[in-house]
């Protein structure tokens, strides 16, 4: 899964890395899930087919996305450029 997640970042059009939660919400709207686990905030955005997971280091004064994953509704990592493009279209990010 780690290799697939790294490959996702090579083909994405909209890169979430380094963005604040405010910047993300301006593109995606309100989150479906917000979770605090130790020094990590996990924020998830859902649509009918995909889930975007964003991970923030909450020990920073203004937390920014450190890592993200795109998964389908079965929880499987998206593996192809075409699937990522469909996901972005579904979220209105194209």
N, C-alpha and C. Protein backbone atom coordinates (compact mmCIF):
# COMPACT_ATOMS: atom_id res chain seq x y z
N UNK A 1 0.82 -1.20 0.00
CA UNK A 1 0.00 0.00 0.00
C UNK A 1 0.86 1.26 0.00
N UNK A 2 2.00 1.21 0.68
CA UNK A 2 2.87 2.39 0.73
C UNK A 2 3.39 2.75 -0.66
N UNK A 3 3.73 1.73 -1.45
CA UNK A 3 4.21 1.97 -2.82
C UNK A 3 3.11 2.56 -3.67
N UNK A 4 1.89 2.03 -3.55
CA UNK A 4 0.75 2.55 -4.32
C UNK A 4 0.49 3.99 -3.94
N UNK A 5 0.52 4.31 -2.65
CA UNK A 5 0.27 5.68 -2.20
C UNK A 5 1.32 6.63 -2.76
N UNK A 6 2.57 6.20 -2.84
CA UNK A 6 3.62 7.04 -3.43
C UNK A 6 3.36 7.26 -4.91
N UNK A 7 2.90 6.24 -5.60
CA UNK A 7 2.60 6.36 -7.03
C UNK A 7 1.44 7.32 -7.26
N UNK A 8 0.45 7.32 -6.35
CA UNK A 8 -0.68 8.25 -6.48
C UNK A 8 -0.18 9.68 -6.56
N UNK A 9 0.77 10.01 -5.73
CA UNK A 9 1.26 11.38 -5.65
C UNK A 9 1.96 11.82 -6.93
N UNK A 10 2.44 10.85 -7.73
CA UNK A 10 3.12 11.18 -8.98
C UNK A 10 2.14 11.57 -10.08
N UNK A 11 0.88 11.11 -9.99
CA UNK A 11 -0.07 11.33 -11.08
C UNK A 11 -1.21 12.27 -10.74
N UNK A 12 -1.28 12.74 -9.50
CA UNK A 12 -2.39 13.61 -9.12
C UNK A 12 -2.26 14.98 -9.75
N UNK A 13 -3.40 15.57 -10.09
CA UNK A 13 -3.43 16.92 -10.65
C UNK A 13 -3.50 17.96 -9.54
N UNK A 14 -4.27 17.66 -8.51
CA UNK A 14 -4.40 18.55 -7.36
C UNK A 14 -3.62 17.92 -6.23
N UNK A 15 -2.54 18.57 -5.83
CA UNK A 15 -1.72 18.04 -4.77
C UNK A 15 -2.16 18.66 -3.45
N UNK A 16 -2.46 17.82 -2.48
CA UNK A 16 -2.93 18.28 -1.19
C UNK A 16 -1.79 18.60 -0.22
N UNK A 17 -0.59 18.11 -0.52
CA UNK A 17 0.53 18.28 0.40
C UNK A 17 0.82 19.75 0.66
N UNK A 18 1.03 20.08 1.93
CA UNK A 18 1.35 21.44 2.31
C UNK A 18 0.16 22.38 2.43
N UNK A 19 -1.04 21.89 2.20
CA UNK A 19 -2.26 22.72 2.29
C UNK A 19 -2.82 22.66 3.71
N UNK A 20 -3.43 23.75 4.13
CA UNK A 20 -4.10 23.79 5.43
C UNK A 20 -5.51 23.23 5.27
N UNK A 21 -6.16 22.95 6.39
CA UNK A 21 -7.53 22.44 6.34
C UNK A 21 -8.47 23.46 5.71
N UNK A 22 -8.23 24.74 5.93
CA UNK A 22 -9.07 25.78 5.31
C UNK A 22 -8.95 25.75 3.80
N UNK A 23 -7.73 25.59 3.30
CA UNK A 23 -7.52 25.52 1.86
C UNK A 23 -8.20 24.29 1.26
N UNK A 24 -8.12 23.19 1.97
CA UNK A 24 -8.74 21.94 1.50
C UNK A 24 -10.26 22.10 1.47
N UNK A 25 -10.83 22.64 2.55
CA UNK A 25 -12.29 22.80 2.61
C UNK A 25 -12.81 23.74 1.53
N UNK A 26 -12.01 24.70 1.12
CA UNK A 26 -12.47 25.60 0.06
C UNK A 26 -12.64 24.86 -1.26
N UNK A 27 -11.91 23.75 -1.44
CA UNK A 27 -12.05 22.93 -2.65
C UNK A 27 -13.04 21.79 -2.49
N UNK A 28 -13.07 21.18 -1.29
CA UNK A 28 -13.85 19.96 -1.10
C UNK A 28 -15.09 20.12 -0.23
N UNK A 29 -15.25 21.26 0.42
CA UNK A 29 -16.39 21.43 1.33
C UNK A 29 -16.08 20.85 2.69
N UNK A 30 -17.11 20.55 3.44
CA UNK A 30 -16.93 20.02 4.80
C UNK A 30 -16.52 18.56 4.77
N UNK A 31 -15.71 18.20 5.73
CA UNK A 31 -15.22 16.84 5.82
C UNK A 31 -16.31 15.88 6.27
N UNK A 32 -16.12 14.60 5.95
CA UNK A 32 -17.03 13.55 6.40
C UNK A 32 -16.57 12.98 7.74
N UNK A 33 -15.28 13.11 8.02
CA UNK A 33 -14.71 12.58 9.26
C UNK A 33 -13.55 13.47 9.67
N UNK A 34 -13.46 13.76 10.96
CA UNK A 34 -12.31 14.45 11.53
C UNK A 34 -11.91 13.68 12.77
N UNK A 35 -10.67 13.21 12.81
CA UNK A 35 -10.24 12.36 13.93
C UNK A 35 -8.88 12.85 14.43
N UNK A 36 -8.73 12.92 15.74
CA UNK A 36 -7.46 13.25 16.36
C UNK A 36 -6.92 11.99 17.01
N UNK A 37 -5.69 11.64 16.64
CA UNK A 37 -5.04 10.45 17.19
C UNK A 37 -3.60 10.82 17.53
N UNK A 38 -3.35 11.15 18.79
CA UNK A 38 -2.02 11.59 19.20
C UNK A 38 -1.69 12.92 18.53
N UNK A 39 -0.58 12.99 17.81
CA UNK A 39 -0.17 14.21 17.12
C UNK A 39 -0.69 14.28 15.68
N UNK A 40 -1.57 13.38 15.31
CA UNK A 40 -2.06 13.33 13.93
C UNK A 40 -3.56 13.62 13.87
N UNK A 41 -3.91 14.54 13.00
CA UNK A 41 -5.32 14.76 12.65
C UNK A 41 -5.56 14.05 11.32
N UNK A 42 -6.61 13.27 11.26
CA UNK A 42 -7.01 12.63 10.01
C UNK A 42 -8.33 13.26 9.59
N UNK A 43 -8.37 13.70 8.35
CA UNK A 43 -9.58 14.30 7.80
C UNK A 43 -9.94 13.50 6.56
N UNK A 44 -11.22 13.12 6.46
CA UNK A 44 -11.66 12.33 5.32
C UNK A 44 -12.79 13.05 4.60
N UNK A 45 -12.73 13.04 3.29
CA UNK A 45 -13.78 13.59 2.44
C UNK A 45 -14.32 12.44 1.60
N UNK A 46 -15.64 12.28 1.60
CA UNK A 46 -16.29 11.18 0.89
C UNK A 46 -17.19 11.70 -0.22
N UNK A 47 -17.31 10.89 -1.27
CA UNK A 47 -18.39 11.07 -2.23
C UNK A 47 -18.98 9.68 -2.48
N UNK A 48 -19.76 9.52 -3.50
CA UNK A 48 -20.43 8.24 -3.74
C UNK A 48 -19.48 7.09 -4.05
N UNK A 49 -18.27 7.40 -4.55
CA UNK A 49 -17.39 6.35 -5.04
C UNK A 49 -16.01 6.33 -4.39
N UNK A 50 -15.57 7.47 -3.83
CA UNK A 50 -14.20 7.59 -3.36
C UNK A 50 -14.11 8.26 -2.00
N UNK A 51 -12.97 8.06 -1.36
CA UNK A 51 -12.65 8.71 -0.09
C UNK A 51 -11.23 9.27 -0.20
N UNK A 52 -11.08 10.53 0.20
CA UNK A 52 -9.76 11.15 0.25
C UNK A 52 -9.39 11.32 1.71
N UNK A 53 -8.28 10.72 2.11
CA UNK A 53 -7.78 10.80 3.47
C UNK A 53 -6.61 11.77 3.50
N UNK A 54 -6.66 12.73 4.41
CA UNK A 54 -5.59 13.71 4.57
C UNK A 54 -5.07 13.62 6.00
N UNK A 55 -3.76 13.65 6.16
CA UNK A 55 -3.14 13.51 7.47
C UNK A 55 -2.32 14.75 7.79
N UNK A 56 -2.59 15.34 8.96
CA UNK A 56 -1.95 16.56 9.41
C UNK A 56 -1.18 16.29 10.70
N UNK A 57 -0.06 16.96 10.88
CA UNK A 57 0.69 16.92 12.14
C UNK A 57 0.14 18.04 13.01
N UNK A 58 -0.65 17.70 14.02
CA UNK A 58 -1.32 18.74 14.81
C UNK A 58 -0.41 19.38 15.86
N UNK A 59 0.86 18.98 15.90
CA UNK A 59 1.79 19.64 16.81
C UNK A 59 2.32 20.94 16.21
N UNK A 60 2.05 21.17 14.92
CA UNK A 60 2.43 22.42 14.27
C UNK A 60 1.42 23.51 14.62
N UNK A 61 1.86 24.75 14.62
CA UNK A 61 0.97 25.87 14.93
C UNK A 61 -0.16 25.97 13.90
N UNK A 62 0.18 25.83 12.62
CA UNK A 62 -0.81 25.85 11.53
C UNK A 62 -0.63 24.55 10.74
N UNK A 63 -1.29 23.46 11.18
CA UNK A 63 -1.09 22.16 10.54
C UNK A 63 -1.37 22.17 9.04
N UNK A 64 -0.51 21.46 8.31
CA UNK A 64 -0.65 21.30 6.87
C UNK A 64 -0.62 19.82 6.53
N UNK A 65 -1.18 19.47 5.39
CA UNK A 65 -1.21 18.08 4.96
C UNK A 65 0.21 17.56 4.81
N UNK A 66 0.49 16.46 5.51
CA UNK A 66 1.80 15.81 5.44
C UNK A 66 1.75 14.59 4.52
N UNK A 67 0.56 14.00 4.38
CA UNK A 67 0.41 12.74 3.65
C UNK A 67 -1.05 12.63 3.25
N UNK A 68 -1.32 11.99 2.12
CA UNK A 68 -2.72 11.73 1.74
C UNK A 68 -2.84 10.44 0.97
N UNK A 69 -4.05 9.90 0.98
CA UNK A 69 -4.37 8.68 0.24
C UNK A 69 -5.74 8.85 -0.41
N UNK A 70 -5.91 8.20 -1.55
CA UNK A 70 -7.21 8.16 -2.22
C UNK A 70 -7.62 6.69 -2.29
N UNK A 71 -8.81 6.42 -1.78
CA UNK A 71 -9.31 5.04 -1.73
C UNK A 71 -10.71 4.96 -2.34
N UNK A 72 -11.08 3.76 -2.77
CA UNK A 72 -12.45 3.56 -3.24
C UNK A 72 -13.33 3.27 -2.04
N UNK A 73 -14.62 3.05 -2.27
CA UNK A 73 -15.55 2.82 -1.15
C UNK A 73 -15.35 1.48 -0.45
N UNK A 74 -14.54 0.60 -1.05
CA UNK A 74 -14.21 -0.66 -0.40
C UNK A 74 -12.97 -0.53 0.47
N UNK A 75 -12.37 0.68 0.47
CA UNK A 75 -11.18 0.92 1.26
C UNK A 75 -9.88 0.59 0.55
N UNK A 76 -9.96 0.22 -0.73
CA UNK A 76 -8.76 -0.13 -1.49
C UNK A 76 -8.12 1.14 -2.07
N UNK A 77 -6.79 1.19 -2.02
CA UNK A 77 -6.08 2.32 -2.61
C UNK A 77 -6.32 2.37 -4.11
N UNK A 78 -6.57 3.56 -4.64
CA UNK A 78 -6.71 3.76 -6.07
C UNK A 78 -5.32 3.59 -6.69
N UNK A 79 -5.24 2.84 -7.79
CA UNK A 79 -3.93 2.49 -8.31
C UNK A 79 -3.61 3.05 -9.69
N UNK A 80 -4.59 3.52 -10.41
CA UNK A 80 -4.30 3.97 -11.77
C UNK A 80 -4.59 5.45 -11.95
N UNK A 81 -3.92 6.04 -12.92
CA UNK A 81 -4.13 7.45 -13.24
C UNK A 81 -5.59 7.69 -13.63
N UNK A 82 -6.16 6.77 -14.38
CA UNK A 82 -7.55 6.92 -14.81
C UNK A 82 -8.50 6.95 -13.61
N UNK A 83 -8.28 6.07 -12.64
CA UNK A 83 -9.12 6.06 -11.44
C UNK A 83 -8.99 7.37 -10.66
N UNK A 84 -7.76 7.88 -10.57
CA UNK A 84 -7.54 9.15 -9.87
C UNK A 84 -8.27 10.28 -10.59
N UNK A 85 -8.20 10.28 -11.91
CA UNK A 85 -8.89 11.31 -12.69
C UNK A 85 -10.40 11.24 -12.48
N UNK A 86 -10.95 10.03 -12.43
CA UNK A 86 -12.39 9.86 -12.18
C UNK A 86 -12.73 10.37 -10.78
N UNK A 87 -11.90 10.04 -9.81
CA UNK A 87 -12.11 10.50 -8.44
C UNK A 87 -12.13 12.03 -8.40
N UNK A 88 -11.15 12.65 -9.01
CA UNK A 88 -11.07 14.13 -9.01
C UNK A 88 -12.28 14.74 -9.69
N UNK A 89 -12.74 14.11 -10.75
CA UNK A 89 -13.94 14.61 -11.44
C UNK A 89 -15.15 14.50 -10.51
N UNK A 90 -15.27 13.41 -9.80
CA UNK A 90 -16.38 13.21 -8.87
C UNK A 90 -16.39 14.25 -7.75
N UNK A 91 -15.19 14.68 -7.33
CA UNK A 91 -15.06 15.70 -6.29
C UNK A 91 -15.07 17.11 -6.85
N UNK A 92 -15.18 17.24 -8.19
CA UNK A 92 -15.18 18.56 -8.81
C UNK A 92 -13.82 19.23 -8.81
N UNK A 93 -12.76 18.44 -8.86
CA UNK A 93 -11.40 18.98 -8.82
C UNK A 93 -10.73 19.04 -10.18
N UNK A 94 -11.46 18.81 -11.25
CA UNK A 94 -10.83 18.81 -12.57
C UNK A 94 -10.81 20.19 -13.18
